[in-house]
Amino acid sequence: MVFGGLLVLAALNRETSAFLVLLYAVASPWPWSAAHLRRTAAWSAVWGLLYMGLRYWRGVAWYDPWQVTRNLEFLGLLPDTYDPYFRAYAWFGVVLLAPVAWLGWRSWPHQPLLARAAALVVIPAFVVTAFCFSSIVETRIFTPLIPMLAVLVMFAVAAADSSMATRS
């Protein structure tokens, strides 16, 4: 029930909260029980109804959602007259993700199921979705990743600490 409350609060704030339902789905040990699949479907319905209800209530703003071409331009070599902030910030997300991915990989046996599910499914799905449908130079785009990345780093540091303790 706590998950449901958090999902509702998150859904009122951002559409990326749909990734919480995905995390809920994959963070249960395989094979998934029928009860788990029903709960996942119910949380998906809750999120979908909130999202559609907010869109209906607040109105739909249409825009061109496909951002891959723009994002590739931000990552590529841009003309000298282009603002360097956009070039630098586009690479910030890549630079931020690389060491965390390496730490998670190095400490994989010590990562809990929730962190593994996030690393294998949710984080890649989020990054691909953000790259396709969001401008990667907006600072808020990758903010929802911070809690999942923090968990990976936390267990990597704990694994390194226990490894150092056994060596001494």
Foldseek 3Di string as FASTA:
>chain_A
DVLLVVLLVVLVPDLLSLLVLVLQLQLDDPPDDPVSVVVSVVSNVVSVVSNVVCCVVVHPDDDDQFCLVVLVQLCDDDDPVDDVLSVVQSCVVVVVVVVLLVLLVVLVVQQHSSLVSCNPPRVVVLVVSCNGGHRSSDPCSCVVCVVSSVSSVVSSVVVVVVVVVVVD
